């Protein structure tokens, strides 16, 4: 089984949707998928209702992650925290790699 950490940093809505669709299909195929929003993508997810719905649809059983520091600095911590789990991105990314996850970024 493949273990992937999907890192979404782009603020481009099409790329965010591509990452969500990819993640959802790979999870359905039985792979272990983790997803973290990092950087400019966080504000897009926090402010775009369609993206918020797409995130919930792609990850109905567990919330993906996002960087708490970027959310705080971007003023979207409260809105984003309703959609994802806010974590320290550096620790989450390196911890996932230590656990055998390969990274793919959008």
Protein backbone atom coordinates (compact mmCIF):
# COMPACT_ATOMS: atom_id res chain seq x y z
CA UNK A 1 0.00 0.00 0.00
CA UNK A 2 1.22 3.47 -0.89
CA UNK A 3 1.46 6.16 1.76
CA UNK A 4 1.23 9.70 0.39
CA UNK A 5 1.34 13.10 2.01
CA UNK A 6 -0.34 15.58 -0.32
CA UNK A 7 0.95 19.11 0.28
CA UNK A 8 -1.30 21.81 -1.19
CA UNK A 9 0.28 25.26 -1.29
CA UNK A 10 -1.17 26.78 -4.46
CA UNK A 11 -3.89 29.42 -4.17
CA UNK A 12 -5.21 28.35 -7.59
CA UNK A 13 -8.69 26.90 -7.10
CA UNK A 14 -8.28 24.45 -9.99
CA UNK A 15 -5.07 23.06 -8.46
CA UNK A 16 -6.69 22.74 -5.03
CA UNK A 17 -9.61 20.85 -6.60
CA UNK A 18 -7.14 18.65 -8.49
CA UNK A 19 -5.36 17.78 -5.23
CA UNK A 20 -8.67 16.98 -3.52
CA UNK A 21 -9.88 14.80 -6.38
CA UNK A 22 -6.56 12.98 -6.57
CA UNK A 23 -6.58 12.38 -2.82
CA UNK A 24 -10.17 11.16 -2.78
CA UNK A 25 -9.53 8.67 -5.62
CA UNK A 26 -6.34 7.36 -4.06
CA UNK A 27 -8.07 6.87 -0.70
CA UNK A 28 -10.87 5.00 -2.48
CA UNK A 29 -8.22 2.76 -4.08
CA UNK A 30 -7.02 1.79 -0.60
CA UNK A 31 -3.94 3.97 -0.26
CA UNK A 32 -3.06 5.85 2.92
CA UNK A 33 -3.49 9.53 2.14
CA UNK A 34 -2.75 12.52 4.31
CA UNK A 35 -3.34 16.08 3.10
CA UNK A 36 -2.05 19.38 4.43
CA UNK A 37 -2.81 22.89 3.22
CA UNK A 38 0.24 25.08 3.58
CA UNK A 39 0.74 28.70 2.58
CA UNK A 40 -1.51 30.53 0.10
CA UNK A 41 -3.95 27.62 -0.23
CA UNK A 42 -5.12 28.17 3.34
CA UNK A 43 -6.80 31.51 2.65
CA UNK A 44 -8.50 30.12 -0.45
CA UNK A 45 -9.98 27.17 1.44
CA UNK A 46 -11.05 29.40 4.34
CA UNK A 47 -12.80 31.92 2.11
CA UNK A 48 -14.29 29.77 -0.68
CA UNK A 49 -17.43 27.86 0.32
CA UNK A 50 -17.20 25.49 -2.69
CA UNK A 51 -13.69 24.48 -1.64
CA UNK A 52 -14.80 23.96 1.96
CA UNK A 53 -17.51 21.57 0.74
CA UNK A 54 -15.00 19.79 -1.53
CA UNK A 55 -12.60 19.32 1.41
CA UNK A 56 -15.33 17.79 3.55
CA UNK A 57 -16.41 15.56 0.67
CA UNK A 58 -12.87 14.30 0.02
CA UNK A 59 -12.19 13.69 3.72
CA UNK A 60 -15.51 12.79 5.38
CA UNK A 61 -14.00 10.69 8.16
CA UNK A 62 -11.10 12.87 9.24
CA UNK A 63 -10.11 16.45 8.69
CA UNK A 64 -7.06 17.24 6.61
CA UNK A 65 -4.48 19.49 8.19
CA UNK A 66 -3.31 23.09 7.71
CA UNK A 67 -0.54 25.18 9.20
CA UNK A 68 -1.68 27.02 12.32
CA UNK A 69 1.00 29.72 11.96
CA UNK A 70 0.07 30.56 8.37
CA UNK A 71 -3.61 30.65 9.34
CA UNK A 72 -2.88 33.01 12.25
CA UNK A 73 -0.68 35.30 10.16
CA UNK A 74 -3.25 35.34 7.33
CA UNK A 75 -6.15 36.12 9.63
CA UNK A 76 -8.08 32.96 8.67
CA UNK A 77 -7.52 30.80 11.74
CA UNK A 78 -11.15 30.79 12.90
CA UNK A 79 -12.69 30.10 9.48
CA UNK A 80 -10.10 27.53 8.47
CA UNK A 81 -10.29 25.74 11.81
CA UNK A 82 -13.92 24.85 11.04
CA UNK A 83 -12.81 22.96 7.92
CA UNK A 84 -9.44 21.42 8.81
CA UNK A 85 -7.31 20.58 11.83
CA UNK A 86 -4.68 23.24 12.47
CA UNK A 87 -1.23 21.85 13.22
CA UNK A 88 2.42 22.85 13.17
CA UNK A 89 3.14 22.12 9.51
CA UNK A 90 6.85 21.48 9.85
CA UNK A 91 6.36 18.83 12.50
CA UNK A 92 3.46 17.24 10.62
CA UNK A 93 5.35 17.07 7.33
CA UNK A 94 8.60 15.71 8.77
CA UNK A 95 6.71 13.33 11.04
CA UNK A 96 4.80 11.95 8.07
CA UNK A 97 8.02 11.46 6.13
CA UNK A 98 9.53 9.68 9.15
CA UNK A 99 6.47 7.38 9.10
CA UNK A 100 7.18 6.41 5.51
CA UNK A 101 4.94 8.83 3.60
CA UNK A 102 6.13 10.11 0.24
CA UNK A 103 5.20 13.68 -0.65
CA UNK A 104 3.42 15.08 -3.65
CA UNK A 105 2.64 18.76 -3.95
CA UNK A 106 0.09 20.87 -5.76
